[in-house]
Amino acid sequence: MPKVSVIARAKKKPKFSTRQVNRCWKCGRKRAFMRDFGLCRICFRELAYKGEIPGIKKSSW
């Protein structure tokens, strides 16, 4: 979990658009971020297994 100050800094509008940091809305992780869902891969996987993301289900073949 990132510090509260790091999350607050990421929410501020940056001076330049390339400095924008995408963070997971659930845990605050910045790496392995999925733009479509606003989640990191770990949180995405947890919510997908629980069935809390509409239209996503675990595939098996």
PDB file of N, CA and C in Angstrom:
ATOM      1  N   MET A   1       0.832  -1.182   0.000  1.00  0.00           N
ATOM      2  CA  MET A   1       0.000   0.000   0.000  1.00  0.00           C
ATOM      3  C   MET A   1       0.879   1.249   0.000  1.00  0.00           C
ATOM      4  N   PRO A   2       0.611   2.174  -0.918  1.00  0.00           N
ATOM      5  CA  PRO A   2       1.369   3.414  -0.936  1.00  0.00           C
ATOM      6  C   PRO A   2       0.932   4.336   0.198  1.00  0.00           C
ATOM      7  N   LYS A   3       1.816   5.253   0.536  1.00  0.00           N
ATOM      8  CA  LYS A   3       1.495   6.214   1.583  1.00  0.00           C
ATOM      9  C   LYS A   3       0.361   7.128   1.122  1.00  0.00           C
ATOM     10  N   VAL A   4      -0.333   7.680   2.062  1.00  0.00           N
ATOM     11  CA  VAL A   4      -1.447   8.583   1.769  1.00  0.00           C
ATOM     12  C   VAL A   4      -0.968   9.800   0.989  1.00  0.00           C
ATOM     13  N   SER A   5       0.221  10.293   1.306  1.00  0.00           N
ATOM     14  CA  SER A   5       0.735  11.470   0.615  1.00  0.00           C
ATOM     15  C   SER A   5       1.020  11.181  -0.860  1.00  0.00           C
ATOM     16  N   VAL A   6       1.438   9.941  -1.175  1.00  0.00           N
ATOM     17  CA  VAL A   6       1.720   9.570  -2.558  1.00  0.00           C
ATOM     18  C   VAL A   6       0.421   9.499  -3.355  1.00  0.00           C
ATOM     19  N   ILE A   7      -0.625   8.963  -2.744  1.00  0.00           N
ATOM     20  CA  ILE A   7      -1.931   8.887  -3.410  1.00  0.00           C
ATOM     21  C   ILE A   7      -2.482  10.290  -3.634  1.00  0.00           C
ATOM     22  N   ALA A   8      -2.340  11.170  -2.649  1.00  0.00           N
ATOM     23  CA  ALA A   8      -2.821  12.544  -2.774  1.00  0.00           C
ATOM     24  C   ALA A   8      -2.079  13.283  -3.883  1.00  0.00           C
ATOM     25  N   ARG A   9      -0.775  13.046  -4.011  1.00  0.00           N
ATOM     26  CA  ARG A   9       0.018  13.685  -5.058  1.00  0.00           C
ATOM     27  C   ARG A   9      -0.432  13.216  -6.446  1.00  0.00           C
ATOM     28  N   ALA A  10      -0.802  11.946  -6.561  1.00  0.00           N
ATOM     29  CA  ALA A  10      -1.236  11.402  -7.847  1.00  0.00           C
ATOM     30  C   ALA A  10      -2.591  11.969  -8.270  1.00  0.00           C
ATOM     31  N   LYS A  11      -3.419  12.365  -7.310  1.00  0.00           N
ATOM     32  CA  LYS A  11      -4.746  12.897  -7.622  1.00  0.00           C
ATOM     33  C   LYS A  11      -4.690  14.345  -8.113  1.00  0.00           C
ATOM     34  N   LYS A  12      -3.621  15.067  -7.752  1.00  0.00           N
ATOM     35  CA  LYS A  12      -3.489  16.460  -8.177  1.00  0.00           C
ATOM     36  C   LYS A  12      -3.256  16.546  -9.676  1.00  0.00           C
ATOM     37  N   LYS A  13      -3.687  17.645 -10.281  1.00  0.00           N
ATOM     38  CA  LYS A  13      -3.453  17.857 -11.707  1.00  0.00           C
ATOM     39  C   LYS A  13      -1.976  18.173 -11.911  1.00  0.00           C
ATOM     40  N   PRO A  14      -1.295  17.389 -12.773  1.00  0.00           N
ATOM     41  CA  PRO A  14       0.139  17.620 -12.961  1.00  0.00           C
ATOM     42  C   PRO A  14       0.420  18.848 -13.826  1.00  0.00           C
ATOM     43  N   LYS A  15       1.627  19.352 -13.710  1.00  0.00           N
ATOM     44  CA  LYS A  15       2.054  20.502 -14.504  1.00  0.00           C
ATOM     45  C   LYS A  15       2.080  20.140 -15.989  1.00  0.00           C
ATOM     46  N   PHE A  16       2.528  18.934 -16.297  1.00  0.00           N
ATOM     47  CA  PHE A  16       2.552  18.424 -17.665  1.00  0.00           C
ATOM     48  C   PHE A  16       1.755  17.131 -17.724  1.00  0.00           C
ATOM     49  N   SER A  17       1.041  16.920 -18.817  1.00  0.00           N
ATOM     50  CA  SER A  17       0.139  15.765 -18.911  1.00  0.00           C
ATOM     51  C   SER A  17       0.874  14.426 -18.877  1.00  0.00           C
ATOM     52  N   THR A  18       2.138  14.396 -19.271  1.00  0.00           N
ATOM     53  CA  THR A  18       2.874  13.136 -19.261  1.00  0.00           C
ATOM     54  C   THR A  18       3.258  12.693 -17.853  1.00  0.00           C
ATOM     55  N   ARG A  19       3.112  13.561 -16.888  1.00  0.00           N
ATOM     56  CA  ARG A  19       3.426  13.212 -15.499  1.00  0.00           C
ATOM     57  C   ARG A  19       2.265  12.569 -14.761  1.00  0.00           C
ATOM     58  N   GLN A  20       1.140  12.405 -15.430  1.00  0.00           N
ATOM     59  CA  GLN A  20      -0.031  11.814 -14.791  1.00  0.00           C
ATOM     60  C   GLN A  20       0.267  10.367 -14.402  1.00  0.00           C
ATOM     61  N   VAL A  21      -0.151   9.985 -13.195  1.00  0.00           N
ATOM     62  CA  VAL A  21       0.062   8.632 -12.705  1.00  0.00           C
ATOM     63  C   VAL A  21      -1.297   7.978 -12.512  1.00  0.00           C
ATOM     64  N   ASN A  22      -1.511   6.857 -13.190  1.00  0.00           N
ATOM     65  CA  ASN A  22      -2.748   6.106 -13.007  1.00  0.00           C
ATOM     66  C   ASN A  22      -2.580   5.174 -11.819  1.00  0.00           C
ATOM     67  N   ARG A  23      -3.532   5.215 -10.906  1.00  0.00           N
ATOM     68  CA  ARG A  23      -3.480   4.354  -9.732  1.00  0.00           C
ATOM     69  C   ARG A  23      -4.791   3.602  -9.574  1.00  0.00           C
ATOM     70  N   CYS A  24      -4.683   2.408  -9.046  1.00  0.00           N
ATOM     71  CA  CYS A  24      -5.846   1.564  -8.767  1.00  0.00           C
ATOM     72  C   CYS A  24      -6.724   2.275  -7.734  1.00  0.00           C
ATOM     73  N   TRP A  25      -8.035   2.317  -7.980  1.00  0.00           N
ATOM     74  CA  TRP A  25      -8.918   3.013  -7.044  1.00  0.00           C
ATOM     75  C   TRP A  25      -9.128   2.200  -5.768  1.00  0.00           C
ATOM     76  N   LYS A  26      -8.834   0.928  -5.804  1.00  0.00           N
ATOM     77  CA  LYS A  26      -9.060   0.069  -4.639  1.00  0.00           C
ATOM     78  C   LYS A  26      -7.855   0.041  -3.705  1.00  0.00           C
ATOM     79  N   CYS A  27      -6.655  -0.182  -4.249  1.00  0.00           N
ATOM     80  CA  CYS A  27      -5.475  -0.350  -3.390  1.00  0.00           C
ATOM     81  C   CYS A  27      -4.429   0.736  -3.575  1.00  0.00           C
ATOM     82  N   GLY A  28      -4.460   1.480  -4.690  1.00  0.00           N
ATOM     83  CA  GLY A  28      -3.503   2.558  -4.913  1.00  0.00           C
ATOM     84  C   GLY A  28      -2.271   2.141  -5.694  1.00  0.00           C
ATOM     85  N   ARG A  29      -2.221   0.908  -6.164  1.00  0.00           N
ATOM     86  CA  ARG A  29      -1.062   0.416  -6.911  1.00  0.00           C
ATOM     87  C   ARG A  29      -0.961   1.126  -8.255  1.00  0.00           C
ATOM     88  N   LYS A  30       0.270   1.458  -8.691  1.00  0.00           N
ATOM     89  CA  LYS A  30       0.427   2.172  -9.953  1.00  0.00           C
ATOM     90  C   LYS A  30       0.913   1.273 -11.083  1.00  0.00           C
ATOM     91  N   ARG A  31       1.513   0.145 -10.768  1.00  0.00           N
ATOM     92  CA  ARG A  31       2.005  -0.758 -11.807  1.00  0.00           C
ATOM     93  C   ARG A  31       0.921  -1.770 -12.178  1.00  0.00           C
ATOM     94  N   ALA A  32       0.976  -2.254 -13.412  1.00  0.00           N
ATOM     95  CA  ALA A  32       0.019  -3.239 -13.936  1.00  0.00           C
ATOM     96  C   ALA A  32      -1.406  -2.691 -13.845  1.00  0.00           C
ATOM     97  N   PHE A  33      -1.584  -1.453 -14.276  1.00  0.00           N
ATOM     98  CA  PHE A  33      -2.877  -0.762 -14.212  1.00  0.00           C
ATOM     99  C   PHE A  33      -3.676  -1.033 -15.479  1.00  0.00           C
ATOM    100  N   MET A  34      -4.965  -1.355 -15.337  1.00  0.00           N
ATOM    101  CA  MET A  34      -5.860  -1.574 -16.474  1.00  0.00           C
ATOM    102  C   MET A  34      -6.772  -0.367 -16.599  1.00  0.00           C
ATOM    103  N   ARG A  35      -6.609   0.371 -17.688  1.00  0.00           N
ATOM    104  CA  ARG A  35      -7.366   1.609 -17.867  1.00  0.00           C
ATOM    105  C   ARG A  35      -8.867   1.373 -17.963  1.00  0.00           C
ATOM    106  N   ASP A  36      -9.262   0.309 -18.633  1.00  0.00           N
ATOM    107  CA  ASP A  36     -10.685   0.047 -18.847  1.00  0.00           C
ATOM    108  C   ASP A  36     -11.455  -0.084 -17.535  1.00  0.00           C
ATOM    109  N   PHE A  37     -10.798  -0.583 -16.509  1.00  0.00           N
ATOM    110  CA  PHE A  37     -11.473  -0.848 -15.246  1.00  0.00           C
ATOM    111  C   PHE A  37     -11.004   0.058 -14.120  1.00  0.00           C
ATOM    112  N   GLY A  38      -9.866   0.713 -14.284  1.00  0.00           N
ATOM    113  CA  GLY A  38      -9.332   1.566 -13.229  1.00  0.00           C
ATOM    114  C   GLY A  38      -8.759   0.763 -12.074  1.00  0.00           C
ATOM    115  N   LEU A  39      -8.355  -0.475 -12.362  1.00  0.00           N
ATOM    116  CA  LEU A  39      -7.860  -1.383 -11.331  1.00  0.00           C
ATOM    117  C   LEU A  39      -6.488  -1.916 -11.704  1.00  0.00           C
ATOM    118  N   CYS A  40      -5.743  -2.356 -10.698  1.00  0.00           N
ATOM    119  CA  CYS A  40      -4.513  -3.083 -10.969  1.00  0.00           C
ATOM    120  C   CYS A  40      -4.873  -4.537 -11.237  1.00  0.00           C
ATOM    121  N   ARG A  41      -3.913  -5.304 -11.712  1.00  0.00           N
ATOM    122  CA  ARG A  41      -4.196  -6.688 -12.097  1.00  0.00           C
ATOM    123  C   ARG A  41      -4.613  -7.551 -10.917  1.00  0.00           C
ATOM    124  N   ILE A  42      -4.098  -7.264  -9.738  1.00  0.00           N
ATOM    125  CA  ILE A  42      -4.417  -8.065  -8.558  1.00  0.00           C
ATOM    126  C   ILE A  42      -5.860  -7.834  -8.127  1.00  0.00           C
ATOM    127  N   CYS A  43      -6.265  -6.583  -8.029  1.00  0.00           N
ATOM    128  CA  CYS A  43      -7.641  -6.256  -7.640  1.00  0.00           C
ATOM    129  C   CYS A  43      -8.628  -6.701  -8.710  1.00  0.00           C
ATOM    130  N   PHE A  44      -8.224  -6.573  -9.979  1.00  0.00           N
ATOM    131  CA  PHE A  44      -9.078  -7.023 -11.073  1.00  0.00           C
ATOM    132  C   PHE A  44      -9.363  -8.513 -10.943  1.00  0.00           C
ATOM    133  N   ARG A  45      -8.334  -9.267 -10.663  1.00  0.00           N
ATOM    134  CA  ARG A  45      -8.472 -10.720 -10.548  1.00  0.00           C
ATOM    135  C   ARG A  45      -9.382 -11.096  -9.371  1.00  0.00           C
ATOM    136  N   GLU A  46      -9.201 -10.426  -8.235  1.00  0.00           N
ATOM    137  CA  GLU A  46     -10.036 -10.699  -7.062  1.00  0.00           C
ATOM    138  C   GLU A  46     -11.506 -10.424  -7.355  1.00  0.00           C
ATOM    139  N   LEU A  47     -11.788  -9.253  -7.942  1.00  0.00           N
ATOM    140  CA  LEU A  47     -13.172  -8.888  -8.231  1.00  0.00           C
ATOM    141  C   LEU A  47     -13.782  -9.759  -9.327  1.00  0.00           C
ATOM    142  N   ALA A  48     -12.973 -10.178 -10.297  1.00  0.00           N
ATOM    143  CA  ALA A  48     -13.469 -11.028 -11.377  1.00  0.00           C
ATOM    144  C   ALA A  48     -13.855 -12.405 -10.841  1.00  0.00           C
ATOM    145  N   TYR A  49     -13.058 -12.945  -9.937  1.00  0.00           N
ATOM    146  CA  TYR A  49     -13.379 -14.244  -9.346  1.00  0.00           C
ATOM    147  C   TYR A  49     -14.653 -14.188  -8.521  1.00  0.00           C
ATOM    148  N   LYS A  50     -14.882 -13.060  -7.859  1.00  0.00           N
ATOM    149  CA  LYS A  50     -16.098 -12.900  -7.054  1.00  0.00           C
ATOM    150  C   LYS A  50     -17.325 -12.621  -7.917  1.00  0.00           C
ATOM    151  N   GLY A  51     -17.088 -12.259  -9.193  1.00  0.00           N
ATOM    152  CA  GLY A  51     -18.198 -11.935 -10.080  1.00  0.00           C
ATOM    153  C   GLY A  51     -18.725 -10.533  -9.897  1.00  0.00           C
ATOM    154  N   GLU A  52     -17.919  -9.637  -9.383  1.00  0.00           N
ATOM    155  CA  GLU A  52     -18.350  -8.268  -9.101  1.00  0.00           C
ATOM    156  C   GLU A  52     -18.111  -7.312 -10.263  1.00  0.00           C
ATOM    157  N   ILE A  53     -17.424  -7.773 -11.312  1.00  0.00           N
ATOM    158  CA  ILE A  53     -17.224  -6.949 -12.501  1.00  0.00           C
ATOM    159  C   ILE A  53     -18.179  -7.457 -13.572  1.00  0.00           C
ATOM    160  N   PRO A  54     -19.140  -6.642 -13.996  1.00  0.00           N
ATOM    161  CA  PRO A  54     -20.116  -7.118 -14.976  1.00  0.00           C
ATOM    162  C   PRO A  54     -19.468  -7.441 -16.319  1.00  0.00           C
ATOM    163  N   GLY A  55     -19.849  -8.570 -16.882  1.00  0.00           N
ATOM    164  CA  GLY A  55     -19.359  -8.978 -18.187  1.00  0.00           C
ATOM    165  C   GLY A  55     -18.048  -9.742 -18.162  1.00  0.00           C
ATOM    166  N   ILE A  56     -17.480  -9.950 -16.986  1.00  0.00           N
ATOM    167  CA  ILE A  56     -16.207 -10.666 -16.873  1.00  0.00           C
ATOM    168  C   ILE A  56     -16.462 -11.959 -16.118  1.00  0.00           C
ATOM    169  N   LYS A  57     -15.956 -13.064 -16.682  1.00  0.00           N
ATOM    170  CA  LYS A  57     -16.037 -14.340 -15.986  1.00  0.00           C
ATOM    171  C   LYS A  57     -14.763 -15.129 -16.262  1.00  0.00           C
ATOM    172  N   LYS A  58     -14.445 -16.030 -15.364  1.00  0.00           N
ATOM    173  CA  LYS A  58     -13.236 -16.834 -15.500  1.00  0.00           C
ATOM    174  C   LYS A  58     -13.420 -17.811 -16.644  1.00  0.00           C
ATOM    175  N   SER A  59     -12.437 -17.834 -17.527  1.00  0.00           N
ATOM    176  CA  SER A  59     -12.529 -18.747 -18.664  1.00  0.00           C
ATOM    177  C   SER A  59     -11.905 -20.089 -18.295  1.00  0.00           C
ATOM    178  N   SER A  60     -12.448 -21.146 -18.874  1.00  0.00           N
ATOM    179  CA  SER A  60     -11.878 -22.486 -18.686  1.00  0.00           C
ATOM    180  C   SER A  60     -12.144 -23.276 -19.953  1.00  0.00           C
ATOM    181  N   TRP A  61     -11.190 -24.068 -20.353  1.00  0.00           N
ATOM    182  CA  TRP A  61     -11.354 -24.868 -21.550  1.00  0.00           C
ATOM    183  C   TRP A  61     -10.636 -26.187 -21.408  1.00  0.00           C
TER     184      TRP A  61
END
